[in-house]
Amino acid sequence: MSAVPDNIVQFKLPAKKPRIYLKEAMPDQRKISVMPIKALTDPTLTDGSIRTLGVLCSYCNRAGITWVSQARLAKDLNISRQAITNQIMRLRAAGYVE
């Protein structure tokens, strides 16, 4: 005799498997990037640093906050993630990134 306790709810699994639809990725809708003009004339920054700052700023919201990964930045710029790390360290030292 198998008695089921009162505090357990009985349920049945659905007969069919749930349908999973793969969606295509949304197209990139970024058209502009707002970045400090001081960075363009800063002699301590390299061209790579300015390009990194531009792409980083393109992912920022209106408050200037972003959660973009270094891997994504590296993919966008077609460079290694380690190169992105070096550029962000340079930008942080110059005061453009916190």
N, C-alpha and C. Protein backbone atom coordinates (compact mmCIF):
# COMPACT_ATOMS: atom_id res chain seq x y z
N MET A 1 0.84 -1.15 0.00
CA MET A 1 0.00 0.00 0.00
C MET A 1 0.90 1.23 0.00
N SER A 2 0.72 2.10 -1.02
CA SER A 2 1.52 3.31 -1.12
C SER A 2 0.60 4.50 -0.87
N ALA A 3 0.71 5.03 0.28
CA ALA A 3 -0.11 6.18 0.65
C ALA A 3 0.64 7.45 0.27
N VAL A 4 -0.08 8.38 -0.38
CA VAL A 4 0.49 9.66 -0.78
C VAL A 4 0.18 10.66 0.32
N PRO A 5 1.21 11.34 0.83
CA PRO A 5 0.95 12.34 1.88
C PRO A 5 0.06 13.47 1.34
N ASP A 6 -0.62 14.14 2.24
CA ASP A 6 -1.56 15.20 1.87
C ASP A 6 -0.86 16.47 1.34
N ASN A 7 0.41 16.66 1.69
CA ASN A 7 1.06 17.90 1.31
C ASN A 7 1.77 17.82 -0.05
N ILE A 8 1.65 16.75 -0.79
CA ILE A 8 2.26 16.61 -2.11
C ILE A 8 1.17 16.76 -3.18
N VAL A 9 1.45 17.62 -4.15
CA VAL A 9 0.51 17.88 -5.23
C VAL A 9 0.83 16.94 -6.38
N GLN A 10 -0.16 16.25 -6.87
CA GLN A 10 0.02 15.36 -8.00
C GLN A 10 -0.02 16.17 -9.29
N PHE A 11 0.78 15.78 -10.26
CA PHE A 11 0.79 16.46 -11.55
C PHE A 11 1.12 15.46 -12.64
N LYS A 12 0.76 15.81 -13.86
CA LYS A 12 1.06 14.98 -15.01
C LYS A 12 1.96 15.77 -15.96
N LEU A 13 2.88 15.09 -16.58
CA LEU A 13 3.71 15.72 -17.59
C LEU A 13 2.90 15.90 -18.86
N PRO A 14 3.13 16.97 -19.61
CA PRO A 14 2.40 17.16 -20.86
C PRO A 14 2.74 16.06 -21.87
N ALA A 15 1.76 15.72 -22.70
CA ALA A 15 1.96 14.66 -23.67
C ALA A 15 2.96 15.06 -24.75
N LYS A 16 2.92 16.33 -25.17
CA LYS A 16 3.83 16.82 -26.21
C LYS A 16 4.98 17.58 -25.58
N LYS A 17 6.11 17.55 -26.27
CA LYS A 17 7.24 18.36 -25.84
C LYS A 17 6.95 19.82 -26.19
N PRO A 18 7.44 20.74 -25.38
CA PRO A 18 7.21 22.15 -25.71
C PRO A 18 7.98 22.53 -26.98
N ARG A 19 7.39 23.41 -27.76
CA ARG A 19 8.04 23.87 -28.99
C ARG A 19 8.99 25.02 -28.66
N ILE A 20 10.17 24.91 -29.17
CA ILE A 20 11.16 25.94 -28.97
C ILE A 20 11.48 26.54 -30.33
N TYR A 21 11.31 27.84 -30.43
CA TYR A 21 11.56 28.53 -31.69
C TYR A 21 12.87 29.31 -31.56
N LEU A 22 13.72 29.15 -32.53
CA LEU A 22 14.94 29.93 -32.57
C LEU A 22 14.67 31.23 -33.30
N LYS A 23 15.02 32.32 -32.67
CA LYS A 23 14.80 33.62 -33.28
C LYS A 23 16.13 34.14 -33.82
N GLU A 24 16.04 34.89 -34.90
CA GLU A 24 17.23 35.51 -35.45
C GLU A 24 17.62 36.68 -34.56
N ALA A 25 18.91 36.95 -34.50
CA ALA A 25 19.40 38.06 -33.70
C ALA A 25 18.93 39.38 -34.31
N MET A 26 18.64 40.33 -33.43
CA MET A 26 18.22 41.64 -33.89
C MET A 26 19.38 42.30 -34.63
N PRO A 27 19.10 43.05 -35.68
CA PRO A 27 20.19 43.76 -36.36
C PRO A 27 20.74 44.87 -35.47
N ASP A 28 21.98 45.21 -35.69
CA ASP A 28 22.62 46.26 -34.91
C ASP A 28 21.95 47.59 -35.23
N GLN A 29 21.36 48.22 -34.22
CA GLN A 29 20.60 49.45 -34.44
C GLN A 29 21.36 50.69 -33.98
N ARG A 30 22.61 50.51 -33.56
CA ARG A 30 23.39 51.67 -33.13
C ARG A 30 23.82 52.45 -34.37
N LYS A 31 23.58 53.74 -34.35
CA LYS A 31 23.94 54.57 -35.48
C LYS A 31 24.98 55.63 -35.11
N ILE A 32 24.97 56.06 -33.86
CA ILE A 32 25.90 57.09 -33.42
C ILE A 32 26.52 56.68 -32.10
N SER A 33 27.60 57.35 -31.77
CA SER A 33 28.27 57.15 -30.50
C SER A 33 28.66 58.52 -29.95
N VAL A 34 28.35 58.79 -28.70
CA VAL A 34 28.72 60.05 -28.07
C VAL A 34 29.94 59.77 -27.21
N MET A 35 31.02 60.48 -27.53
CA MET A 35 32.25 60.30 -26.77
C MET A 35 32.90 61.66 -26.53
N PRO A 36 33.77 61.75 -25.53
CA PRO A 36 34.39 63.04 -25.24
C PRO A 36 35.32 63.49 -26.36
N ILE A 37 35.14 64.72 -26.81
CA ILE A 37 35.98 65.24 -27.89
C ILE A 37 37.42 65.43 -27.42
N LYS A 38 37.59 65.59 -26.13
CA LYS A 38 38.93 65.74 -25.56
C LYS A 38 39.79 64.51 -25.88
N ALA A 39 39.16 63.35 -25.98
CA ALA A 39 39.90 62.12 -26.27
C ALA A 39 40.52 62.15 -27.66
N LEU A 40 39.88 62.84 -28.59
CA LEU A 40 40.39 62.90 -29.96
C LEU A 40 41.67 63.73 -30.07
N THR A 41 41.84 64.68 -29.17
CA THR A 41 43.03 65.53 -29.21
C THR A 41 44.04 65.19 -28.12
N ASP A 42 43.77 64.17 -27.34
CA ASP A 42 44.66 63.77 -26.25
C ASP A 42 45.90 63.08 -26.83
N PRO A 43 47.10 63.65 -26.66
CA PRO A 43 48.30 63.04 -27.24
C PRO A 43 48.74 61.76 -26.55
N THR A 44 48.21 61.49 -25.35
CA THR A 44 48.61 60.27 -24.64
C THR A 44 47.88 59.03 -25.15
N LEU A 45 46.78 59.23 -25.88
CA LEU A 45 46.01 58.09 -26.39
C LEU A 45 46.47 57.70 -27.78
N THR A 46 46.48 56.40 -28.02
CA THR A 46 46.82 55.89 -29.34
C THR A 46 45.55 55.79 -30.18
N ASP A 47 45.72 55.53 -31.46
CA ASP A 47 44.56 55.36 -32.33
C ASP A 47 43.71 54.18 -31.87
N GLY A 48 44.36 53.12 -31.41
CA GLY A 48 43.62 51.96 -30.90
C GLY A 48 42.79 52.29 -29.68
N SER A 49 43.34 53.14 -28.81
CA SER A 49 42.59 53.56 -27.61
C SER A 49 41.37 54.37 -28.00
N ILE A 50 41.51 55.25 -28.98
CA ILE A 50 40.39 56.07 -29.41
C ILE A 50 39.32 55.21 -30.07
N ARG A 51 39.74 54.25 -30.88
CA ARG A 51 38.77 53.33 -31.50
C ARG A 51 38.05 52.51 -30.44
N THR A 52 38.80 52.03 -29.44
CA THR A 52 38.18 51.26 -28.35
C THR A 52 37.19 52.12 -27.59
N LEU A 53 37.55 53.36 -27.30
CA LEU A 53 36.64 54.26 -26.59
C LEU A 53 35.39 54.52 -27.41
N GLY A 54 35.54 54.69 -28.72
CA GLY A 54 34.37 54.92 -29.58
C GLY A 54 33.40 53.75 -29.57
N VAL A 55 33.92 52.53 -29.67
CA VAL A 55 33.04 51.36 -29.66
C VAL A 55 32.45 51.16 -28.27
N LEU A 56 33.25 51.40 -27.23
CA LEU A 56 32.74 51.27 -25.87
C LEU A 56 31.61 52.27 -25.63
N CYS A 57 31.78 53.50 -26.09
CA CYS A 57 30.74 54.52 -25.93
C CYS A 57 29.48 54.19 -26.72
N SER A 58 29.63 53.46 -27.81
CA SER A 58 28.45 53.11 -28.61
C SER A 58 27.52 52.15 -27.87
N TYR A 59 28.03 51.46 -26.86
CA TYR A 59 27.21 50.55 -26.06
C TYR A 59 26.66 51.21 -24.80
N CYS A 60 27.03 52.46 -24.51
CA CYS A 60 26.58 53.14 -23.29
C CYS A 60 25.14 53.61 -23.42
N ASN A 61 24.44 53.62 -22.30
CA ASN A 61 23.10 54.19 -22.28
C ASN A 61 23.21 55.70 -22.05
N ARG A 62 22.09 56.37 -21.90
CA ARG A 62 22.11 57.84 -21.75
C ARG A 62 22.85 58.29 -20.51
N ALA A 63 22.93 57.44 -19.50
CA ALA A 63 23.65 57.80 -18.27
C ALA A 63 25.15 57.51 -18.39
N GLY A 64 25.58 56.94 -19.50
CA GLY A 64 26.99 56.64 -19.69
C GLY A 64 27.41 55.32 -19.08
N ILE A 65 26.45 54.44 -18.83
CA ILE A 65 26.73 53.14 -18.21
C ILE A 65 26.60 52.06 -19.26
N THR A 66 27.51 51.10 -19.22
CA THR A 66 27.45 49.97 -20.14
C THR A 66 27.84 48.69 -19.43
N TRP A 67 27.34 47.57 -19.92
CA TRP A 67 27.67 46.26 -19.40
C TRP A 67 28.24 45.38 -20.51
N VAL A 68 28.77 46.01 -21.55
CA VAL A 68 29.30 45.25 -22.67
C VAL A 68 30.56 44.50 -22.22
N SER A 69 30.73 43.30 -22.76
CA SER A 69 31.89 42.50 -22.38
C SER A 69 33.10 42.86 -23.22
N GLN A 70 34.26 42.55 -22.68
CA GLN A 70 35.49 42.78 -23.43
C GLN A 70 35.54 41.87 -24.65
N ALA A 71 34.95 40.70 -24.55
CA ALA A 71 34.92 39.78 -25.70
C ALA A 71 34.12 40.39 -26.84
N ARG A 72 33.02 41.05 -26.52
CA ARG A 72 32.20 41.69 -27.55
C ARG A 72 32.95 42.85 -28.21
N LEU A 73 33.64 43.65 -27.40
CA LEU A 73 34.42 44.75 -27.94
C LEU A 73 35.53 44.22 -28.85
N ALA A 74 36.17 43.14 -28.42
CA ALA A 74 37.23 42.54 -29.22
C ALA A 74 36.69 42.03 -30.55
N LYS A 75 35.51 41.44 -30.52
CA LYS A 75 34.89 40.95 -31.75
C LYS A 75 34.55 42.10 -32.69
N ASP A 76 34.00 43.19 -32.13
CA ASP A 76 33.64 44.35 -32.95
C ASP A 76 34.87 45.00 -33.60
N LEU A 77 35.98 45.03 -32.88
CA LEU A 77 37.19 45.68 -33.39
C LEU A 77 38.13 44.70 -34.10
N ASN A 78 37.79 43.43 -34.06
CA ASN A 78 38.59 42.38 -34.70
C ASN A 78 40.01 42.34 -34.14
N ILE A 79 40.10 42.42 -32.79
CA ILE A 79 41.37 42.29 -32.10
C ILE A 79 41.18 41.33 -30.93
N SER A 80 42.25 41.02 -30.22
CA SER A 80 42.15 40.06 -29.11
C SER A 80 41.55 40.72 -27.87
N ARG A 81 41.05 39.89 -26.98
CA ARG A 81 40.49 40.39 -25.73
C ARG A 81 41.59 41.01 -24.87
N GLN A 82 42.78 40.45 -24.94
CA GLN A 82 43.90 41.00 -24.18
C GLN A 82 44.24 42.42 -24.66
N ALA A 83 44.14 42.66 -25.96
CA ALA A 83 44.38 44.01 -26.49
C ALA A 83 43.33 44.98 -25.96
N ILE A 84 42.08 44.52 -25.86
CA ILE A 84 41.01 45.36 -25.30
C ILE A 84 41.33 45.69 -23.84
N THR A 85 41.79 44.70 -23.10
CA THR A 85 42.15 44.93 -21.70
C THR A 85 43.22 46.00 -21.59
N ASN A 86 44.25 45.92 -22.43
CA ASN A 86 45.31 46.93 -22.41
C ASN A 86 44.78 48.32 -22.77
N GLN A 87 43.90 48.40 -23.76
CA GLN A 87 43.34 49.69 -24.16
C GLN A 87 42.47 50.27 -23.05
N ILE A 88 41.68 49.44 -22.40
CA ILE A 88 40.82 49.92 -21.31
C ILE A 88 41.66 50.39 -20.14
N MET A 89 42.77 49.70 -19.86
CA MET A 89 43.67 50.15 -18.80
C MET A 89 44.26 51.52 -19.14
N ARG A 90 44.61 51.73 -20.40
CA ARG A 90 45.14 53.03 -20.84
C ARG A 90 44.06 54.11 -20.71
N LEU A 91 42.82 53.78 -21.10
CA LEU A 91 41.72 54.73 -20.99
C LEU A 91 41.40 55.05 -19.52
N ARG A 92 41.51 54.06 -18.67
CA ARG A 92 41.25 54.27 -17.24
C ARG A 92 42.33 55.18 -16.65
N ALA A 93 43.59 54.96 -17.03
CA ALA A 93 44.68 55.79 -16.53
C ALA A 93 44.54 57.24 -16.99
N ALA A 94 43.98 57.44 -18.18
CA ALA A 94 43.79 58.79 -18.71
C ALA A 94 42.52 59.44 -18.16
N GLY A 95 41.67 58.68 -17.48
CA GLY A 95 40.48 59.24 -16.85
C GLY A 95 39.22 59.20 -17.71
N TYR A 96 39.23 58.43 -18.80
CA TYR A 96 38.06 58.35 -19.67
C TYR A 96 37.09 57.24 -19.28
N VAL A 97 37.57 56.26 -18.53
CA VAL A 97 36.75 55.10 -18.14
C VAL A 97 36.91 54.89 -16.65
N GLU A 98 35.82 54.59 -15.99
CA GLU A 98 35.86 54.26 -14.55
C GLU A 98 35.60 52.79 -14.37
